[in-house]
């Protein structure tokens, strides 16, 4: 079954509307990794769980959560605990993503700091005796 969704890549301001198959295999392939699900009201945002660690570029922030790499935005049926067609029109999506809760000026800086700290920790492990 295909559902209406928005796919937003890091290099896109708003993303694009599409219809995608919601099988586990296809959703994981679309985001390029192990799936993290963020549910907000009747919307579900899917992203790669390890996107920050794997160096994928910053995409956007929503309610304090930084998304890196591609994201998929689907509708969410809370009663059925399943995906559904996204009810937002593209115009509503564009308006929503311009809201302050989707933006945070220091998020890219924070992502860079986390990545630097992770790389420094990896370097220390590589240099540790007996490793």
N, C-alpha and C. Protein backbone atom coordinates (compact mmCIF):
# COMPACT_ATOMS: atom_id res chain seq x y z
N UNK A 1 0.84 -1.17 0.00
CA UNK A 1 0.00 0.00 0.00
C UNK A 1 0.89 1.24 0.00
N UNK A 2 0.53 2.22 -0.80
CA UNK A 2 1.29 3.48 -0.86
C UNK A 2 0.50 4.57 -0.17
N UNK A 3 1.23 5.39 0.59
CA UNK A 3 0.61 6.50 1.32
C UNK A 3 1.25 7.82 0.93
N UNK A 4 0.47 8.88 1.03
CA UNK A 4 0.97 10.23 0.77
C UNK A 4 1.96 10.60 1.87
N UNK A 5 3.10 11.12 1.46
CA UNK A 5 4.15 11.50 2.40
C UNK A 5 4.92 12.69 1.84
N UNK A 6 5.72 13.28 2.70
CA UNK A 6 6.68 14.29 2.26
C UNK A 6 8.06 13.73 2.59
N UNK A 7 8.94 13.77 1.62
CA UNK A 7 10.34 13.42 1.85
C UNK A 7 11.13 14.71 1.78
N UNK A 8 11.92 14.96 2.82
CA UNK A 8 12.75 16.16 2.85
C UNK A 8 14.20 15.73 3.01
N UNK A 9 15.00 16.14 2.06
CA UNK A 9 16.44 15.89 2.10
C UNK A 9 17.14 17.11 2.67
N UNK A 10 18.34 16.96 3.20
CA UNK A 10 19.03 18.11 3.80
C UNK A 10 19.23 19.29 2.87
N UNK A 11 19.37 19.03 1.58
CA UNK A 11 19.61 20.13 0.63
C UNK A 11 18.31 20.75 0.10
N UNK A 12 17.17 20.31 0.58
CA UNK A 12 15.88 20.87 0.15
C UNK A 12 15.30 21.74 1.26
N UNK A 13 14.73 22.87 0.87
CA UNK A 13 14.13 23.75 1.87
C UNK A 13 12.86 23.14 2.45
N UNK A 14 12.04 22.56 1.59
CA UNK A 14 10.75 22.02 2.04
C UNK A 14 10.56 20.54 1.75
N UNK A 15 11.31 19.98 0.84
CA UNK A 15 11.08 18.60 0.45
C UNK A 15 10.08 18.51 -0.69
N UNK A 16 9.49 17.35 -0.84
CA UNK A 16 8.53 17.15 -1.91
C UNK A 16 7.49 16.10 -1.50
N UNK A 17 6.31 16.23 -2.09
CA UNK A 17 5.21 15.29 -1.82
C UNK A 17 5.39 14.08 -2.73
N UNK A 18 5.14 12.92 -2.18
CA UNK A 18 5.23 11.69 -2.95
C UNK A 18 4.29 10.66 -2.34
N UNK A 19 4.18 9.53 -2.95
CA UNK A 19 3.46 8.39 -2.39
C UNK A 19 4.47 7.26 -2.26
N UNK A 20 4.59 6.70 -1.05
CA UNK A 20 5.59 5.67 -0.81
C UNK A 20 4.96 4.42 -0.21
N UNK A 21 5.61 3.31 -0.49
CA UNK A 21 5.23 2.03 0.12
C UNK A 21 5.71 2.05 1.56
N UNK A 22 4.85 1.65 2.49
CA UNK A 22 5.20 1.74 3.91
C UNK A 22 5.64 0.39 4.50
N UNK A 23 6.30 -0.42 3.69
CA UNK A 23 6.88 -1.64 4.23
C UNK A 23 8.14 -1.27 5.01
N UNK A 24 8.49 -2.07 6.00
CA UNK A 24 9.71 -1.80 6.78
C UNK A 24 10.93 -1.70 5.89
N UNK A 25 11.07 -2.60 4.95
CA UNK A 25 12.22 -2.62 4.05
C UNK A 25 12.31 -1.32 3.24
N UNK A 26 11.20 -0.88 2.70
CA UNK A 26 11.21 0.34 1.89
C UNK A 26 11.47 1.58 2.73
N UNK A 27 10.86 1.68 3.90
CA UNK A 27 11.08 2.86 4.75
C UNK A 27 12.54 2.94 5.19
N UNK A 28 13.13 1.83 5.59
CA UNK A 28 14.54 1.83 5.97
C UNK A 28 15.43 2.22 4.78
N UNK A 29 15.09 1.72 3.60
CA UNK A 29 15.87 2.06 2.41
C UNK A 29 15.74 3.55 2.08
N UNK A 30 14.54 4.10 2.24
CA UNK A 30 14.31 5.52 1.94
C UNK A 30 15.15 6.43 2.82
N UNK A 31 15.27 6.10 4.10
CA UNK A 31 16.04 6.97 5.00
C UNK A 31 17.50 6.55 5.10
N UNK A 32 17.83 5.41 4.56
CA UNK A 32 19.22 4.98 4.49
C UNK A 32 19.80 4.49 5.80
N UNK A 33 18.99 3.87 6.61
CA UNK A 33 19.52 3.36 7.87
C UNK A 33 18.43 2.80 8.76
N UNK A 34 18.78 2.61 10.01
CA UNK A 34 17.83 2.10 11.00
C UNK A 34 16.89 3.22 11.40
N UNK A 35 15.63 2.95 11.39
CA UNK A 35 14.59 3.96 11.53
C UNK A 35 14.34 4.42 12.96
N UNK A 36 14.25 5.74 13.11
CA UNK A 36 13.80 6.37 14.35
C UNK A 36 12.46 7.02 14.05
N UNK A 37 11.49 6.85 14.92
CA UNK A 37 10.14 7.38 14.70
C UNK A 37 9.85 8.46 15.73
N UNK A 38 9.43 9.62 15.24
CA UNK A 38 9.08 10.75 16.09
C UNK A 38 7.62 11.09 15.79
N UNK A 39 6.74 10.88 16.76
CA UNK A 39 5.30 11.11 16.55
C UNK A 39 4.89 12.41 17.21
N UNK A 40 4.18 13.22 16.46
CA UNK A 40 3.65 14.49 16.97
C UNK A 40 2.25 14.68 16.41
N UNK A 41 1.26 14.65 17.30
CA UNK A 41 -0.16 14.77 16.92
C UNK A 41 -0.48 13.71 15.88
N UNK A 42 -0.94 14.12 14.68
CA UNK A 42 -1.30 13.12 13.66
C UNK A 42 -0.23 13.02 12.58
N UNK A 43 1.02 13.30 12.98
CA UNK A 43 2.13 13.29 12.05
C UNK A 43 3.24 12.40 12.60
N UNK A 44 3.91 11.71 11.71
CA UNK A 44 5.01 10.83 12.10
C UNK A 44 6.22 11.18 11.24
N UNK A 45 7.34 11.48 11.89
CA UNK A 45 8.57 11.81 11.18
C UNK A 45 9.53 10.64 11.36
N UNK A 46 10.01 10.12 10.25
CA UNK A 46 10.96 9.00 10.27
C UNK A 46 12.33 9.52 9.85
N UNK A 47 13.35 9.10 10.58
CA UNK A 47 14.71 9.47 10.24
C UNK A 47 15.64 8.32 10.58
N UNK A 48 16.89 8.46 10.15
CA UNK A 48 17.91 7.45 10.45
C UNK A 48 18.36 7.62 11.90
N UNK A 49 18.21 6.60 12.69
CA UNK A 49 18.55 6.63 14.11
C UNK A 49 20.01 7.02 14.35
N UNK A 50 20.90 6.60 13.47
CA UNK A 50 22.33 6.86 13.65
C UNK A 50 22.86 7.90 12.67
N UNK A 51 22.01 8.81 12.21
CA UNK A 51 22.42 9.79 11.20
C UNK A 51 23.52 10.72 11.69
N UNK A 52 23.43 11.18 12.93
CA UNK A 52 24.45 12.09 13.46
C UNK A 52 25.78 11.36 13.54
N UNK A 53 25.78 10.16 14.11
CA UNK A 53 27.02 9.39 14.27
C UNK A 53 27.64 9.03 12.93
N UNK A 54 26.81 8.80 11.91
CA UNK A 54 27.35 8.38 10.62
C UNK A 54 27.72 9.57 9.73
N UNK A 55 27.56 10.79 10.23
CA UNK A 55 28.02 11.97 9.51
C UNK A 55 27.06 12.50 8.46
N UNK A 56 25.81 12.08 8.50
CA UNK A 56 24.84 12.61 7.52
C UNK A 56 24.59 14.08 7.81
N UNK A 57 24.36 14.88 6.76
CA UNK A 57 24.20 16.32 6.96
C UNK A 57 22.94 16.69 7.73
N UNK A 58 23.04 17.80 8.45
CA UNK A 58 21.91 18.33 9.21
C UNK A 58 20.75 18.65 8.27
N UNK A 59 19.54 18.31 8.69
CA UNK A 59 18.34 18.55 7.88
C UNK A 59 17.49 19.66 8.49
N UNK A 60 16.94 19.42 9.68
CA UNK A 60 16.07 20.39 10.34
C UNK A 60 15.93 20.00 11.81
N UNK A 61 15.28 20.85 12.56
CA UNK A 61 15.02 20.60 13.98
C UNK A 61 13.54 20.73 14.22
N UNK A 62 13.01 19.85 15.05
CA UNK A 62 11.60 19.97 15.44
C UNK A 62 11.49 19.66 16.92
N UNK A 63 10.95 20.62 17.67
CA UNK A 63 10.72 20.48 19.10
C UNK A 63 11.97 19.99 19.84
N UNK A 64 13.12 20.55 19.46
CA UNK A 64 14.36 20.25 20.14
C UNK A 64 15.10 19.02 19.64
N UNK A 65 14.55 18.30 18.69
CA UNK A 65 15.19 17.11 18.15
C UNK A 65 15.80 17.44 16.79
N UNK A 66 17.10 17.25 16.65
CA UNK A 66 17.80 17.53 15.39
C UNK A 66 17.73 16.32 14.48
N UNK A 67 17.26 16.52 13.28
CA UNK A 67 17.22 15.45 12.27
C UNK A 67 18.36 15.65 11.29
N UNK A 68 19.09 14.59 11.03
CA UNK A 68 20.14 14.61 10.02
C UNK A 68 19.79 13.58 8.96
N UNK A 69 20.28 13.81 7.75
CA UNK A 69 19.94 12.91 6.65
C UNK A 69 18.51 13.15 6.18
N UNK A 70 18.01 12.25 5.36
CA UNK A 70 16.65 12.37 4.83
C UNK A 70 15.62 12.10 5.92
N UNK A 71 14.48 12.78 5.82
CA UNK A 71 13.35 12.46 6.70
C UNK A 71 12.13 12.16 5.84
N UNK A 72 11.25 11.35 6.38
CA UNK A 72 9.96 11.04 5.75
C UNK A 72 8.88 11.49 6.73
N UNK A 73 7.92 12.25 6.23
CA UNK A 73 6.81 12.71 7.07
C UNK A 73 5.54 12.03 6.57
N UNK A 74 4.95 11.24 7.43
CA UNK A 74 3.71 10.51 7.12
C UNK A 74 2.63 10.92 8.10
N UNK A 75 1.40 10.57 7.79
CA UNK A 75 0.33 10.73 8.75
C UNK A 75 0.41 9.60 9.77
N UNK A 76 -0.20 9.83 10.96
CA UNK A 76 -0.18 8.83 12.02
C UNK A 76 -1.57 8.66 12.59
N UNK A 77 -2.03 7.42 12.66
CA UNK A 77 -3.32 7.09 13.27
C UNK A 77 -3.02 6.53 14.65
N UNK A 78 -3.23 7.35 15.68
CA UNK A 78 -2.88 6.95 17.04
C UNK A 78 -3.71 5.77 17.53
N UNK A 79 -4.99 5.76 17.19
CA UNK A 79 -5.87 4.68 17.65
C UNK A 79 -5.43 3.33 17.07
N UNK A 80 -5.08 3.32 15.79
CA UNK A 80 -4.67 2.08 15.12
C UNK A 80 -3.17 1.83 15.26
N UNK A 81 -2.41 2.82 15.78
CA UNK A 81 -0.97 2.72 15.90
C UNK A 81 -0.33 2.34 14.57
N UNK A 82 -0.72 3.11 13.53
CA UNK A 82 -0.19 2.82 12.20
C UNK A 82 -0.09 4.09 11.36
N UNK A 83 0.67 3.98 10.28
CA UNK A 83 0.81 5.10 9.35
C UNK A 83 -0.49 5.29 8.59
N UNK A 84 -0.68 6.52 8.12
CA UNK A 84 -1.80 6.84 7.24
C UNK A 84 -1.33 7.94 6.30
N UNK A 85 -2.18 8.28 5.33
CA UNK A 85 -1.86 9.38 4.43
C UNK A 85 -1.62 10.65 5.24
N UNK A 86 -0.63 11.42 4.84
CA UNK A 86 -0.38 12.70 5.47
C UNK A 86 -1.53 13.64 5.13
N UNK A 87 -2.14 14.23 6.15
CA UNK A 87 -3.30 15.09 5.91
C UNK A 87 -2.92 16.52 5.55
N UNK A 88 -1.68 16.91 5.83
CA UNK A 88 -1.24 18.26 5.50
C UNK A 88 -1.10 18.44 4.00
N UNK A 89 -1.54 19.60 3.50
CA UNK A 89 -1.24 19.93 2.12
C UNK A 89 0.22 20.42 2.08
N UNK A 90 0.80 20.51 0.90
CA UNK A 90 2.17 20.98 0.80
C UNK A 90 2.29 22.42 1.28
N UNK A 91 1.27 23.24 1.00
CA UNK A 91 1.27 24.64 1.47
C UNK A 91 1.26 24.69 3.00
N UNK A 92 0.46 23.83 3.63
CA UNK A 92 0.44 23.78 5.10
C UNK A 92 1.78 23.31 5.65
N UNK A 93 2.40 22.34 4.98
CA UNK A 93 3.72 21.85 5.39
C UNK A 93 4.74 22.98 5.33
N UNK A 94 4.74 23.74 4.22
CA UNK A 94 5.70 24.83 4.07
C UNK A 94 5.50 25.87 5.18
N UNK A 95 4.26 26.13 5.52
CA UNK A 95 3.97 27.07 6.60
C UNK A 95 4.44 26.50 7.95
N UNK A 96 4.19 25.23 8.17
CA UNK A 96 4.59 24.59 9.42
C UNK A 96 6.11 24.59 9.60
N UNK A 97 6.83 24.25 8.56
CA UNK A 97 8.28 24.13 8.68
C UNK A 97 8.96 25.49 8.85
N UNK A 98 8.24 26.57 8.58
CA UNK A 98 8.79 27.92 8.81
C UNK A 98 8.56 28.40 10.25
N UNK A 99 7.81 27.63 11.03
CA UNK A 99 7.53 28.02 12.41
C UNK A 99 8.80 27.90 13.27
N UNK A 100 8.89 28.73 14.32
CA UNK A 100 10.10 28.71 15.17
C UNK A 100 10.44 27.35 15.76
N UNK A 101 9.43 26.51 16.06
CA UNK A 101 9.73 25.21 16.66
C UNK A 101 10.47 24.28 15.70
N UNK A 102 10.52 24.63 14.41
CA UNK A 102 11.25 23.85 13.42
C UNK A 102 12.66 24.38 13.20
N UNK A 103 12.97 25.48 13.81
CA UNK A 103 14.26 26.11 13.56
C UNK A 103 15.00 26.33 14.86
N UNK A 104 16.29 26.23 14.80
CA UNK A 104 17.11 26.55 15.95
C UNK A 104 18.48 26.94 15.40
N UNK A 105 18.84 28.18 15.59
CA UNK A 105 20.05 28.72 14.97
C UNK A 105 21.30 27.96 15.36
N UNK A 106 21.35 27.39 16.54
CA UNK A 106 22.57 26.74 17.00
C UNK A 106 22.57 25.23 16.79
N UNK A 107 21.55 24.70 16.15
CA UNK A 107 21.46 23.24 16.02
C UNK A 107 22.61 22.69 15.20
N UNK A 108 22.93 23.28 14.07
CA UNK A 108 24.04 22.77 13.26
C UNK A 108 25.33 22.82 14.07
N UNK A 109 25.51 23.87 14.84
CA UNK A 109 26.69 23.98 15.68
C UNK A 109 26.72 22.85 16.72
N UNK A 110 25.57 22.55 17.31
CA UNK A 110 25.49 21.47 18.30
C UNK A 110 25.79 20.12 17.66
N UNK A 111 25.27 19.89 16.46
CA UNK A 111 25.55 18.64 15.75
C UNK A 111 27.04 18.52 15.49
N UNK A 112 27.68 19.61 15.07
CA UNK A 112 29.12 19.60 14.82
C UNK A 112 29.91 19.30 16.10
N UNK A 113 29.48 19.86 17.22
CA UNK A 113 30.16 19.63 18.50
C UNK A 113 30.06 18.15 18.90
N UNK A 114 28.86 17.58 18.75
CA UNK A 114 28.66 16.16 19.08
C UNK A 114 29.55 15.29 18.20
N UNK A 115 29.59 15.60 16.91
CA UNK A 115 30.42 14.80 15.99
C UNK A 115 31.90 14.92 16.35
N UNK A 116 32.36 16.12 16.70
CA UNK A 116 33.77 16.31 17.09
C UNK A 116 34.10 15.52 18.35
N UNK A 117 33.19 15.56 19.33
CA UNK A 117 33.41 14.82 20.57
C UNK A 117 33.45 13.31 20.31
N UNK A 118 32.57 12.83 19.44
CA UNK A 118 32.56 11.41 19.11
C UNK A 118 33.85 11.00 18.40
N UNK A 119 34.32 11.84 17.49
CA UNK A 119 35.56 11.53 16.78
C UNK A 119 36.75 11.54 17.74
N UNK A 120 36.78 12.48 18.66
CA UNK A 120 37.86 12.53 19.66
C UNK A 120 37.84 11.27 20.53
N UNK A 121 36.65 10.82 20.91
CA UNK A 121 36.53 9.60 21.72
C UNK A 121 37.00 8.38 20.93
N UNK A 122 36.65 8.31 19.65
CA UNK A 122 37.11 7.19 18.81
C UNK A 122 38.63 7.20 18.71
N UNK A 123 39.21 8.40 18.54
CA UNK A 123 40.67 8.51 18.43
C UNK A 123 41.35 8.03 19.71
N UNK A 124 40.77 8.38 20.87
CA UNK A 124 41.35 7.92 22.15
C UNK A 124 41.29 6.41 22.26
N UNK A 125 40.20 5.83 21.83
CA UNK A 125 40.06 4.36 21.88
C UNK A 125 41.08 3.71 20.97
N UNK A 126 41.26 4.26 19.76
CA UNK A 126 42.24 3.69 18.82
C UNK A 126 43.66 3.75 19.37
N UNK A 127 43.96 4.79 20.15
CA UNK A 127 45.31 4.95 20.71
C UNK A 127 45.51 4.23 22.04
N UNK A 128 44.45 3.73 22.63
CA UNK A 128 44.55 3.07 23.94
C UNK A 128 45.40 1.82 23.83
N UNK A 129 46.27 1.59 24.81
CA UNK A 129 47.11 0.39 24.79
C UNK A 129 46.27 -0.88 24.83
N UNK A 130 46.68 -1.84 24.02
CA UNK A 130 45.99 -3.13 24.03
C UNK A 130 44.70 -3.17 23.24
N UNK A 131 44.38 -2.09 22.51
CA UNK A 131 43.14 -2.09 21.72
C UNK A 131 43.45 -2.35 20.28
